[in-house]
mmCIF file of all heavy atoms, coordinates in Angstrom:
data_MODEL
# 
_entry.id   MODEL 
# 
loop_
_atom_site.group_PDB 
_atom_site.id 
_atom_site.type_symbol 
_atom_site.label_atom_id 
_atom_site.label_alt_id 
_atom_site.label_comp_id 
_atom_site.label_asym_id 
_atom_site.label_entity_id 
_atom_site.label_seq_id 
_atom_site.pdbx_PDB_ins_code 
_atom_site.Cartn_x 
_atom_site.Cartn_y 
_atom_site.Cartn_z 
_atom_site.occupancy 
_atom_site.B_iso_or_equiv 
_atom_site.pdbx_formal_charge 
_atom_site.auth_seq_id 
_atom_site.auth_comp_id 
_atom_site.auth_asym_id 
_atom_site.auth_atom_id 
_atom_site.pdbx_PDB_model_num 
ATOM 1   N N   . SER A 1 1  ? 0.808   -1.164  0.014   1.00 0.00 ? 1  SER A N   1 
ATOM 2   C CA  . SER A 1 1  ? -0.068  -0.019  0.078   1.00 0.00 ? 1  SER A CA  1 
ATOM 3   C C   . SER A 1 1  ? 0.870   1.277   -0.040  1.00 0.00 ? 1  SER A C   1 
ATOM 4   O O   . SER A 1 1  ? 0.222   2.425   0.061   1.00 0.00 ? 1  SER A O   1 
ATOM 5   C CB  . SER A 1 1  ? -0.912  -0.087  1.204   1.00 0.00 ? 1  SER A CB  1 
ATOM 6   O OG  . SER A 1 1  ? -1.840  -1.107  1.247   1.00 0.00 ? 1  SER A OG  1 
ATOM 7   N N   . ILE A 1 2  ? 2.127   1.200   -0.123  1.00 0.00 ? 2  ILE A N   1 
ATOM 8   C CA  . ILE A 1 2  ? 2.960   2.391   -0.139  1.00 0.00 ? 2  ILE A CA  1 
ATOM 9   C C   . ILE A 1 2  ? 2.713   3.262   -1.399  1.00 0.00 ? 2  ILE A C   1 
ATOM 10  O O   . ILE A 1 2  ? 2.753   4.448   -1.282  1.00 0.00 ? 2  ILE A O   1 
ATOM 11  C CB  . ILE A 1 2  ? 4.436   1.980   -0.026  1.00 0.00 ? 2  ILE A CB  1 
ATOM 12  C CG1 . ILE A 1 2  ? 4.754   1.381   1.337   1.00 0.00 ? 2  ILE A CG1 1 
ATOM 13  C CG2 . ILE A 1 2  ? 5.270   3.132   -0.305  1.00 0.00 ? 2  ILE A CG2 1 
ATOM 14  C CD1 . ILE A 1 2  ? 6.115   0.908   1.516   1.00 0.00 ? 2  ILE A CD1 1 
ATOM 15  N N   . TYR A 1 3  ? 2.597   2.590   -2.495  1.00 0.00 ? 3  TYR A N   1 
ATOM 16  C CA  . TYR A 1 3  ? 2.380   3.417   -3.681  1.00 0.00 ? 3  TYR A CA  1 
ATOM 17  C C   . TYR A 1 3  ? 1.031   3.170   -4.288  1.00 0.00 ? 3  TYR A C   1 
ATOM 18  O O   . TYR A 1 3  ? 0.538   2.041   -4.343  1.00 0.00 ? 3  TYR A O   1 
ATOM 19  C CB  . TYR A 1 3  ? 3.447   2.785   -4.851  1.00 0.00 ? 3  TYR A CB  1 
ATOM 20  C CG  . TYR A 1 3  ? 4.871   2.894   -4.270  1.00 0.00 ? 3  TYR A CG  1 
ATOM 21  C CD1 . TYR A 1 3  ? 5.609   1.771   -3.972  1.00 0.00 ? 3  TYR A CD1 1 
ATOM 22  C CD2 . TYR A 1 3  ? 5.509   4.108   -4.264  1.00 0.00 ? 3  TYR A CD2 1 
ATOM 23  C CE1 . TYR A 1 3  ? 6.900   1.947   -3.531  1.00 0.00 ? 3  TYR A CE1 1 
ATOM 24  C CE2 . TYR A 1 3  ? 6.848   4.235   -3.784  1.00 0.00 ? 3  TYR A CE2 1 
ATOM 25  C CZ  . TYR A 1 3  ? 7.486   3.091   -3.505  1.00 0.00 ? 3  TYR A CZ  1 
ATOM 26  O OH  . TYR A 1 3  ? 8.837   3.239   -3.057  1.00 0.00 ? 3  TYR A OH  1 
ATOM 27  N N   . THR A 1 4  ? 0.428   4.307   -4.725  1.00 0.00 ? 4  THR A N   1 
ATOM 28  C CA  . THR A 1 4  ? -0.784  4.304   -5.404  1.00 0.00 ? 4  THR A CA  1 
ATOM 29  C C   . THR A 1 4  ? -0.676  5.259   -6.548  1.00 0.00 ? 4  THR A C   1 
ATOM 30  O O   . THR A 1 4  ? 0.091   6.214   -6.520  1.00 0.00 ? 4  THR A O   1 
ATOM 31  C CB  . THR A 1 4  ? -2.087  4.681   -4.564  1.00 0.00 ? 4  THR A CB  1 
ATOM 32  O OG1 . THR A 1 4  ? -1.773  6.080   -4.130  1.00 0.00 ? 4  THR A OG1 1 
ATOM 33  C CG2 . THR A 1 4  ? -2.155  3.792   -3.378  1.00 0.00 ? 4  THR A CG2 1 
ATOM 34  N N   . SER A 1 5  ? -1.463  4.974   -7.589  1.00 0.00 ? 5  SER A N   1 
ATOM 35  C CA  . SER A 1 5  ? -1.453  5.966   -8.814  1.00 0.00 ? 5  SER A CA  1 
ATOM 36  C C   . SER A 1 5  ? -2.824  5.717   -9.390  1.00 0.00 ? 5  SER A C   1 
ATOM 37  O O   . SER A 1 5  ? -3.510  4.767   -9.286  1.00 0.00 ? 5  SER A O   1 
ATOM 38  C CB  . SER A 1 5  ? -0.337  5.576   -9.730  1.00 0.00 ? 5  SER A CB  1 
ATOM 39  O OG  . SER A 1 5  ? -0.226  4.338   -10.263 1.00 0.00 ? 5  SER A OG  1 
ATOM 40  N N   . TYR A 1 6  ? -3.117  6.845   -10.204 1.00 0.00 ? 6  TYR A N   1 
ATOM 41  C CA  . TYR A 1 6  ? -4.536  6.889   -10.780 1.00 0.00 ? 6  TYR A CA  1 
ATOM 42  C C   . TYR A 1 6  ? -4.530  7.514   -12.122 1.00 0.00 ? 6  TYR A C   1 
ATOM 43  O O   . TYR A 1 6  ? -3.549  8.327   -12.419 1.00 0.00 ? 6  TYR A O   1 
ATOM 44  C CB  . TYR A 1 6  ? -5.437  7.876   -9.915  1.00 0.00 ? 6  TYR A CB  1 
ATOM 45  C CG  . TYR A 1 6  ? -5.600  7.396   -8.488  1.00 0.00 ? 6  TYR A CG  1 
ATOM 46  C CD1 . TYR A 1 6  ? -4.677  7.774   -7.524  1.00 0.00 ? 6  TYR A CD1 1 
ATOM 47  C CD2 . TYR A 1 6  ? -6.705  6.682   -8.158  1.00 0.00 ? 6  TYR A CD2 1 
ATOM 48  C CE1 . TYR A 1 6  ? -4.891  7.385   -6.176  1.00 0.00 ? 6  TYR A CE1 1 
ATOM 49  C CE2 . TYR A 1 6  ? -6.796  6.157   -6.790  1.00 0.00 ? 6  TYR A CE2 1 
ATOM 50  C CZ  . TYR A 1 6  ? -5.969  6.639   -5.852  1.00 0.00 ? 6  TYR A CZ  1 
ATOM 51  O OH  . TYR A 1 6  ? -6.150  6.146   -4.564  1.00 0.00 ? 6  TYR A OH  1 
ATOM 52  N N   . ALA A 1 7  ? -5.464  7.076   -12.964 1.00 0.00 ? 7  ALA A N   1 
ATOM 53  C CA  . ALA A 1 7  ? -5.682  7.726   -14.219 1.00 0.00 ? 7  ALA A CA  1 
ATOM 54  C C   . ALA A 1 7  ? -6.039  9.061   -13.992 1.00 0.00 ? 7  ALA A C   1 
ATOM 55  O O   . ALA A 1 7  ? -6.775  9.498   -13.010 1.00 0.00 ? 7  ALA A O   1 
ATOM 56  C CB  . ALA A 1 7  ? -6.656  6.971   -15.010 1.00 0.00 ? 7  ALA A CB  1 
ATOM 57  N N   . ASP A 1 8  ? -5.672  10.066  -14.881 1.00 0.00 ? 8  ASP A N   1 
ATOM 58  C CA  . ASP A 1 8  ? -6.007  11.437  -14.711 1.00 0.00 ? 8  ASP A CA  1 
ATOM 59  C C   . ASP A 1 8  ? -7.553  11.684  -14.666 1.00 0.00 ? 8  ASP A C   1 
ATOM 60  O O   . ASP A 1 8  ? -7.993  12.575  -13.992 1.00 0.00 ? 8  ASP A O   1 
ATOM 61  C CB  . ASP A 1 8  ? -5.355  12.284  -15.852 1.00 0.00 ? 8  ASP A CB  1 
ATOM 62  C CG  . ASP A 1 8  ? -3.948  12.439  -15.869 1.00 0.00 ? 8  ASP A CG  1 
ATOM 63  O OD1 . ASP A 1 8  ? -3.431  12.197  -14.712 1.00 0.00 ? 8  ASP A OD1 1 
ATOM 64  O OD2 . ASP A 1 8  ? -3.242  12.701  -16.883 1.00 0.00 ? 8  ASP A OD2 1 
ATOM 65  N N   . SER A 1 9  ? -8.201  10.797  -15.358 1.00 0.00 ? 9  SER A N   1 
ATOM 66  C CA  . SER A 1 9  ? -9.681  10.995  -15.545 1.00 0.00 ? 9  SER A CA  1 
ATOM 67  C C   . SER A 1 9  ? -10.407 10.728  -14.151 1.00 0.00 ? 9  SER A C   1 
ATOM 68  O O   . SER A 1 9  ? -11.519 11.119  -13.962 1.00 0.00 ? 9  SER A O   1 
ATOM 69  C CB  . SER A 1 9  ? -10.233 10.118  -16.559 1.00 0.00 ? 9  SER A CB  1 
ATOM 70  O OG  . SER A 1 9  ? -9.943  8.836   -16.285 1.00 0.00 ? 9  SER A OG  1 
ATOM 71  N N   . VAL A 1 10 ? -9.729  10.044  -13.204 1.00 0.00 ? 10 VAL A N   1 
ATOM 72  C CA  . VAL A 1 10 ? -10.416 9.723   -11.925 1.00 0.00 ? 10 VAL A CA  1 
ATOM 73  C C   . VAL A 1 10 ? -9.712  10.343  -10.757 1.00 0.00 ? 10 VAL A C   1 
ATOM 74  O O   . VAL A 1 10 ? -10.148 10.257  -9.601  1.00 0.00 ? 10 VAL A O   1 
ATOM 75  C CB  . VAL A 1 10 ? -10.404 8.175   -11.753 1.00 0.00 ? 10 VAL A CB  1 
ATOM 76  C CG1 . VAL A 1 10 ? -11.152 7.573   -13.025 1.00 0.00 ? 10 VAL A CG1 1 
ATOM 77  C CG2 . VAL A 1 10 ? -9.156  7.617   -11.480 1.00 0.00 ? 10 VAL A CG2 1 
ATOM 78  N N   . LYS A 1 11 ? -8.703  11.029  -10.899 1.00 0.00 ? 11 LYS A N   1 
ATOM 79  C CA  . LYS A 1 11 ? -7.872  11.584  -9.780  1.00 0.00 ? 11 LYS A CA  1 
ATOM 80  C C   . LYS A 1 11 ? -8.729  12.610  -9.083  1.00 0.00 ? 11 LYS A C   1 
ATOM 81  O O   . LYS A 1 11 ? -9.463  13.268  -9.668  1.00 0.00 ? 11 LYS A O   1 
ATOM 82  C CB  . LYS A 1 11 ? -6.641  12.396  -10.267 1.00 0.00 ? 11 LYS A CB  1 
ATOM 83  C CG  . LYS A 1 11 ? -5.331  11.456  -10.533 1.00 0.00 ? 11 LYS A CG  1 
ATOM 84  C CD  . LYS A 1 11 ? -4.239  12.219  -10.959 1.00 0.00 ? 11 LYS A CD  1 
ATOM 85  C CE  . LYS A 1 11 ? -2.998  11.481  -11.233 1.00 0.00 ? 11 LYS A CE  1 
ATOM 86  N NZ  . LYS A 1 11 ? -1.901  12.179  -11.884 1.00 0.00 ? 11 LYS A NZ  1 
ATOM 87  N N   . GLY A 1 12 ? -8.660  12.384  -7.692  1.00 0.00 ? 12 GLY A N   1 
ATOM 88  C CA  . GLY A 1 12 ? -9.588  13.331  -6.833  1.00 0.00 ? 12 GLY A CA  1 
ATOM 89  C C   . GLY A 1 12 ? -10.895 12.893  -6.714  1.00 0.00 ? 12 GLY A C   1 
ATOM 90  O O   . GLY A 1 12 ? -11.602 13.352  -5.800  1.00 0.00 ? 12 GLY A O   1 
ATOM 91  N N   . ARG A 1 13 ? -11.373 11.795  -7.408  1.00 0.00 ? 13 ARG A N   1 
ATOM 92  C CA  . ARG A 1 13 ? -12.684 11.253  -7.228  1.00 0.00 ? 13 ARG A CA  1 
ATOM 93  C C   . ARG A 1 13 ? -12.676 9.858   -6.767  1.00 0.00 ? 13 ARG A C   1 
ATOM 94  O O   . ARG A 1 13 ? -13.515 9.419   -6.002  1.00 0.00 ? 13 ARG A O   1 
ATOM 95  C CB  . ARG A 1 13 ? -13.401 11.250  -8.573  1.00 0.00 ? 13 ARG A CB  1 
ATOM 96  C CG  . ARG A 1 13 ? -13.695 12.769  -9.133  1.00 0.00 ? 13 ARG A CG  1 
ATOM 97  C CD  . ARG A 1 13 ? -14.586 12.677  -10.424 1.00 0.00 ? 13 ARG A CD  1 
ATOM 98  N NE  . ARG A 1 13 ? -14.065 11.896  -11.493 1.00 0.00 ? 13 ARG A NE  1 
ATOM 99  C CZ  . ARG A 1 13 ? -14.583 10.860  -12.003 1.00 0.00 ? 13 ARG A CZ  1 
ATOM 100 N NH1 . ARG A 1 13 ? -15.888 10.570  -11.641 1.00 0.00 ? 13 ARG A NH1 1 
ATOM 101 N NH2 . ARG A 1 13 ? -14.157 10.218  -13.047 1.00 0.00 ? 13 ARG A NH2 1 
ATOM 102 N N   . PHE A 1 14 ? -11.685 9.019   -7.269  1.00 0.00 ? 14 PHE A N   1 
ATOM 103 C CA  . PHE A 1 14 ? -11.578 7.613   -6.862  1.00 0.00 ? 14 PHE A CA  1 
ATOM 104 C C   . PHE A 1 14 ? -10.376 7.442   -5.896  1.00 0.00 ? 14 PHE A C   1 
ATOM 105 O O   . PHE A 1 14 ? -9.424  8.182   -5.896  1.00 0.00 ? 14 PHE A O   1 
ATOM 106 C CB  . PHE A 1 14 ? -11.275 6.722   -8.125  1.00 0.00 ? 14 PHE A CB  1 
ATOM 107 C CG  . PHE A 1 14 ? -12.444 6.634   -9.145  1.00 0.00 ? 14 PHE A CG  1 
ATOM 108 C CD1 . PHE A 1 14 ? -13.588 7.379   -8.928  1.00 0.00 ? 14 PHE A CD1 1 
ATOM 109 C CD2 . PHE A 1 14 ? -12.347 5.866   -10.120 1.00 0.00 ? 14 PHE A CD2 1 
ATOM 110 C CE1 . PHE A 1 14 ? -14.529 7.456   -9.955  1.00 0.00 ? 14 PHE A CE1 1 
ATOM 111 C CE2 . PHE A 1 14 ? -13.305 5.640   -10.991 1.00 0.00 ? 14 PHE A CE2 1 
ATOM 112 C CZ  . PHE A 1 14 ? -14.520 6.397   -10.888 1.00 0.00 ? 14 PHE A CZ  1 
ATOM 113 N N   . THR A 1 15 ? -10.556 6.358   -5.057  1.00 0.00 ? 15 THR A N   1 
ATOM 114 C CA  . THR A 1 15 ? -9.568  6.051   -4.130  1.00 0.00 ? 15 THR A CA  1 
ATOM 115 C C   . THR A 1 15 ? -9.302  4.633   -3.961  1.00 0.00 ? 15 THR A C   1 
ATOM 116 O O   . THR A 1 15 ? -10.327 3.837   -3.842  1.00 0.00 ? 15 THR A O   1 
ATOM 117 C CB  . THR A 1 15 ? -9.809  6.535   -2.692  1.00 0.00 ? 15 THR A CB  1 
ATOM 118 O OG1 . THR A 1 15 ? -9.979  7.898   -2.732  1.00 0.00 ? 15 THR A OG1 1 
ATOM 119 C CG2 . THR A 1 15 ? -8.748  6.284   -1.684  1.00 0.00 ? 15 THR A CG2 1 
ATOM 120 N N   . ILE A 1 16 ? -8.128  4.087   -4.262  1.00 0.00 ? 16 ILE A N   1 
ATOM 121 C CA  . ILE A 1 16 ? -7.916  2.663   -4.086  1.00 0.00 ? 16 ILE A CA  1 
ATOM 122 C C   . ILE A 1 16 ? -7.231  2.429   -2.703  1.00 0.00 ? 16 ILE A C   1 
ATOM 123 O O   . ILE A 1 16 ? -6.470  3.166   -2.201  1.00 0.00 ? 16 ILE A O   1 
ATOM 124 C CB  . ILE A 1 16 ? -6.898  2.192   -5.278  1.00 0.00 ? 16 ILE A CB  1 
ATOM 125 C CG1 . ILE A 1 16 ? -6.813  0.608   -5.316  1.00 0.00 ? 16 ILE A CG1 1 
ATOM 126 C CG2 . ILE A 1 16 ? -5.601  2.775   -5.180  1.00 0.00 ? 16 ILE A CG2 1 
ATOM 127 C CD1 . ILE A 1 16 ? -6.145  0.127   -6.562  1.00 0.00 ? 16 ILE A CD1 1 
ATOM 128 N N   . SER A 1 17 ? -7.643  1.296   -2.146  1.00 0.00 ? 17 SER A N   1 
ATOM 129 C CA  . SER A 1 17 ? -7.071  0.830   -0.903  1.00 0.00 ? 17 SER A CA  1 
ATOM 130 C C   . SER A 1 17 ? -7.260  -0.703  -0.811  1.00 0.00 ? 17 SER A C   1 
ATOM 131 O O   . SER A 1 17 ? -7.797  -1.366  -1.741  1.00 0.00 ? 17 SER A O   1 
ATOM 132 C CB  . SER A 1 17 ? -7.882  1.451   0.189   1.00 0.00 ? 17 SER A CB  1 
ATOM 133 O OG  . SER A 1 17 ? -9.263  0.930   0.146   1.00 0.00 ? 17 SER A OG  1 
ATOM 134 N N   . ARG A 1 18 ? -6.507  -1.212  0.169   1.00 0.00 ? 18 ARG A N   1 
ATOM 135 C CA  . ARG A 1 18 ? -6.527  -2.661  0.215   1.00 0.00 ? 18 ARG A CA  1 
ATOM 136 C C   . ARG A 1 18 ? -6.460  -3.077  1.783   1.00 0.00 ? 18 ARG A C   1 
ATOM 137 O O   . ARG A 1 18 ? -5.841  -2.347  2.546   1.00 0.00 ? 18 ARG A O   1 
ATOM 138 C CB  . ARG A 1 18 ? -5.266  -3.312  -0.458  1.00 0.00 ? 18 ARG A CB  1 
ATOM 139 C CG  . ARG A 1 18 ? -3.962  -2.943  -0.038  1.00 0.00 ? 18 ARG A CG  1 
ATOM 140 C CD  . ARG A 1 18 ? -2.890  -3.539  -0.906  1.00 0.00 ? 18 ARG A CD  1 
ATOM 141 N NE  . ARG A 1 18 ? -2.787  -4.889  -0.970  1.00 0.00 ? 18 ARG A NE  1 
ATOM 142 C CZ  . ARG A 1 18 ? -2.215  -5.549  -1.969  1.00 0.00 ? 18 ARG A CZ  1 
ATOM 143 N NH1 . ARG A 1 18 ? -1.609  -4.876  -2.979  1.00 0.00 ? 18 ARG A NH1 1 
ATOM 144 N NH2 . ARG A 1 18 ? -2.216  -7.015  -1.975  1.00 0.00 ? 18 ARG A NH2 1 
ATOM 145 N N   . ASP A 1 19 ? -6.997  -4.217  2.000   1.00 0.00 ? 19 ASP A N   1 
ATOM 146 C CA  . ASP A 1 19 ? -6.826  -4.792  3.395   1.00 0.00 ? 19 ASP A CA  1 
ATOM 147 C C   . ASP A 1 19 ? -6.229  -6.228  3.221   1.00 0.00 ? 19 ASP A C   1 
ATOM 148 O O   . ASP A 1 19 ? -6.944  -7.058  2.862   1.00 0.00 ? 19 ASP A O   1 
ATOM 149 C CB  . ASP A 1 19 ? -8.225  -4.836  4.132   1.00 0.00 ? 19 ASP A CB  1 
ATOM 150 C CG  . ASP A 1 19 ? -8.217  -5.259  5.355   1.00 0.00 ? 19 ASP A CG  1 
ATOM 151 O OD1 . ASP A 1 19 ? -7.203  -5.961  5.872   1.00 0.00 ? 19 ASP A OD1 1 
ATOM 152 O OD2 . ASP A 1 19 ? -9.206  -5.057  6.160   1.00 0.00 ? 19 ASP A OD2 1 
ATOM 153 N N   . ASN A 1 20 ? -4.962  -6.330  3.590   1.00 0.00 ? 20 ASN A N   1 
ATOM 154 C CA  . ASN A 1 20 ? -4.389  -7.633  3.384   1.00 0.00 ? 20 ASN A CA  1 
ATOM 155 C C   . ASN A 1 20 ? -4.818  -8.686  4.365   1.00 0.00 ? 20 ASN A C   1 
ATOM 156 O O   . ASN A 1 20 ? -4.660  -9.855  4.098   1.00 0.00 ? 20 ASN A O   1 
ATOM 157 C CB  . ASN A 1 20 ? -2.771  -7.436  3.399   1.00 0.00 ? 20 ASN A CB  1 
ATOM 158 C CG  . ASN A 1 20 ? -2.291  -6.772  2.209   1.00 0.00 ? 20 ASN A CG  1 
ATOM 159 O OD1 . ASN A 1 20 ? -2.937  -6.595  1.147   1.00 0.00 ? 20 ASN A OD1 1 
ATOM 160 N ND2 . ASN A 1 20 ? -0.970  -6.311  2.310   1.00 0.00 ? 20 ASN A ND2 1 
ATOM 161 N N   . THR A 1 21 ? -5.297  -8.339  5.473   1.00 0.00 ? 21 THR A N   1 
ATOM 162 C CA  . THR A 1 21 ? -6.014  -9.246  6.301   1.00 0.00 ? 21 THR A CA  1 
ATOM 163 C C   . THR A 1 21 ? -7.191  -9.819  5.829   1.00 0.00 ? 21 THR A C   1 
ATOM 164 O O   . THR A 1 21 ? -7.692  -10.900 6.204   1.00 0.00 ? 21 THR A O   1 
ATOM 165 C CB  . THR A 1 21 ? -6.172  -8.581  7.731   1.00 0.00 ? 21 THR A CB  1 
ATOM 166 O OG1 . THR A 1 21 ? -7.288  -7.608  7.708   1.00 0.00 ? 21 THR A OG1 1 
ATOM 167 C CG2 . THR A 1 21 ? -4.891  -8.031  8.310   1.00 0.00 ? 21 THR A CG2 1 
ATOM 168 N N   . GLU A 1 22 ? -7.954  -9.085  4.942   1.00 0.00 ? 22 GLU A N   1 
ATOM 169 C CA  . GLU A 1 22 ? -9.242  -9.539  4.307   1.00 0.00 ? 22 GLU A CA  1 
ATOM 170 C C   . GLU A 1 22 ? -8.956  -10.036 2.887   1.00 0.00 ? 22 GLU A C   1 
ATOM 171 O O   . GLU A 1 22 ? -10.011 -10.278 2.284   1.00 0.00 ? 22 GLU A O   1 
ATOM 172 C CB  . GLU A 1 22 ? -10.228 -8.431  4.313   1.00 0.00 ? 22 GLU A CB  1 
ATOM 173 C CG  . GLU A 1 22 ? -10.649 -7.997  5.834   1.00 0.00 ? 22 GLU A CG  1 
ATOM 174 C CD  . GLU A 1 22 ? -11.454 -9.080  6.494   1.00 0.00 ? 22 GLU A CD  1 
ATOM 175 O OE1 . GLU A 1 22 ? -12.077 -9.916  5.809   1.00 0.00 ? 22 GLU A OE1 1 
ATOM 176 O OE2 . GLU A 1 22 ? -11.355 -9.112  7.799   1.00 0.00 ? 22 GLU A OE2 1 
ATOM 177 N N   . ASN A 1 23 ? -7.856  -9.821  2.402   1.00 0.00 ? 23 ASN A N   1 
ATOM 178 C CA  . ASN A 1 23 ? -7.556  -10.357 0.938   1.00 0.00 ? 23 ASN A CA  1 
ATOM 179 C C   . ASN A 1 23 ? -8.347  -9.563  0.053   1.00 0.00 ? 23 ASN A C   1 
ATOM 180 O O   . ASN A 1 23 ? -8.788  -10.111 -0.989  1.00 0.00 ? 23 ASN A O   1 
ATOM 181 C CB  . ASN A 1 23 ? -7.621  -11.854 0.704   1.00 0.00 ? 23 ASN A CB  1 
ATOM 182 C CG  . ASN A 1 23 ? -6.681  -12.708 1.570   1.00 0.00 ? 23 ASN A CG  1 
ATOM 183 O OD1 . ASN A 1 23 ? -5.654  -12.166 1.992   1.00 0.00 ? 23 ASN A OD1 1 
ATOM 184 N ND2 . ASN A 1 23 ? -6.921  -13.971 1.652   1.00 0.00 ? 23 ASN A ND2 1 
ATOM 185 N N   . THR A 1 24 ? -8.556  -8.324  0.299   1.00 0.00 ? 24 THR A N   1 
ATOM 186 C CA  . THR A 1 24 ? -9.482  -7.520  -0.528  1.00 0.00 ? 24 THR A CA  1 
ATOM 187 C C   . THR A 1 24 ? -8.879  -6.097  -0.933  1.00 0.00 ? 24 THR A C   1 
ATOM 188 O O   . THR A 1 24 ? -8.249  -5.586  -0.088  1.00 0.00 ? 24 THR A O   1 
ATOM 189 C CB  . THR A 1 24 ? -10.833 -7.356  0.217   1.00 0.00 ? 24 THR A CB  1 
ATOM 190 O OG1 . THR A 1 24 ? -11.336 -8.587  0.603   1.00 0.00 ? 24 THR A OG1 1 
ATOM 191 C CG2 . THR A 1 24 ? -11.830 -6.463  -0.576  1.00 0.00 ? 24 THR A CG2 1 
ATOM 192 N N   . VAL A 1 25 ? -9.141  -5.810  -2.140  1.00 0.00 ? 25 VAL A N   1 
ATOM 193 C CA  . VAL A 1 25 ? -8.750  -4.462  -2.618  1.00 0.00 ? 25 VAL A CA  1 
ATOM 194 C C   . VAL A 1 25 ? -10.095 -3.779  -2.932  1.00 0.00 ? 25 VAL A C   1 
ATOM 195 O O   . VAL A 1 25 ? -10.952 -4.381  -3.459  1.00 0.00 ? 25 VAL A O   1 
ATOM 196 C CB  . VAL A 1 25 ? -7.875  -4.542  -3.853  1.00 0.00 ? 25 VAL A CB  1 
ATOM 197 C CG1 . VAL A 1 25 ? -8.383  -5.205  -4.994  1.00 0.00 ? 25 VAL A CG1 1 
ATOM 198 C CG2 . VAL A 1 25 ? -7.292  -3.072  -4.244  1.00 0.00 ? 25 VAL A CG2 1 
ATOM 199 N N   . TYR A 1 26 ? -10.150 -2.441  -2.685  1.00 0.00 ? 26 TYR A N   1 
ATOM 200 C CA  . TYR A 1 26 ? -11.404 -1.536  -2.842  1.00 0.00 ? 26 TYR A CA  1 
ATOM 201 C C   . TYR A 1 26 ? -11.087 -0.468  -3.837  1.00 0.00 ? 26 TYR A C   1 
ATOM 202 O O   . TYR A 1 26 ? -9.934  0.037   -4.005  1.00 0.00 ? 26 TYR A O   1 
ATOM 203 C CB  . TYR A 1 26 ? -11.697 -1.044  -1.518  1.00 0.00 ? 26 TYR A CB  1 
ATOM 204 C CG  . TYR A 1 26 ? -11.935 -1.995  -0.436  1.00 0.00 ? 26 TYR A CG  1 
ATOM 205 C CD1 . TYR A 1 26 ? -10.921 -2.261  0.529   1.00 0.00 ? 26 TYR A CD1 1 
ATOM 206 C CD2 . TYR A 1 26 ? -13.145 -2.706  -0.312  1.00 0.00 ? 26 TYR A CD2 1 
ATOM 207 C CE1 . TYR A 1 26 ? -11.220 -3.229  1.487   1.00 0.00 ? 26 TYR A CE1 1 
ATOM 208 C CE2 . TYR A 1 26 ? -13.404 -3.567  0.626   1.00 0.00 ? 26 TYR A CE2 1 
ATOM 209 C CZ  . TYR A 1 26 ? -12.350 -3.840  1.575   1.00 0.00 ? 26 TYR A CZ  1 
ATOM 210 O OH  . TYR A 1 26 ? -12.727 -4.840  2.611   1.00 0.00 ? 26 TYR A OH  1 
# 
């Protein structure tokens, strides 16, 4: 989770995150 990046078209509107204890990315 140290690095994230976004397409310009979604920056400021979308957020990616993950929970490695739940094996899930959001």
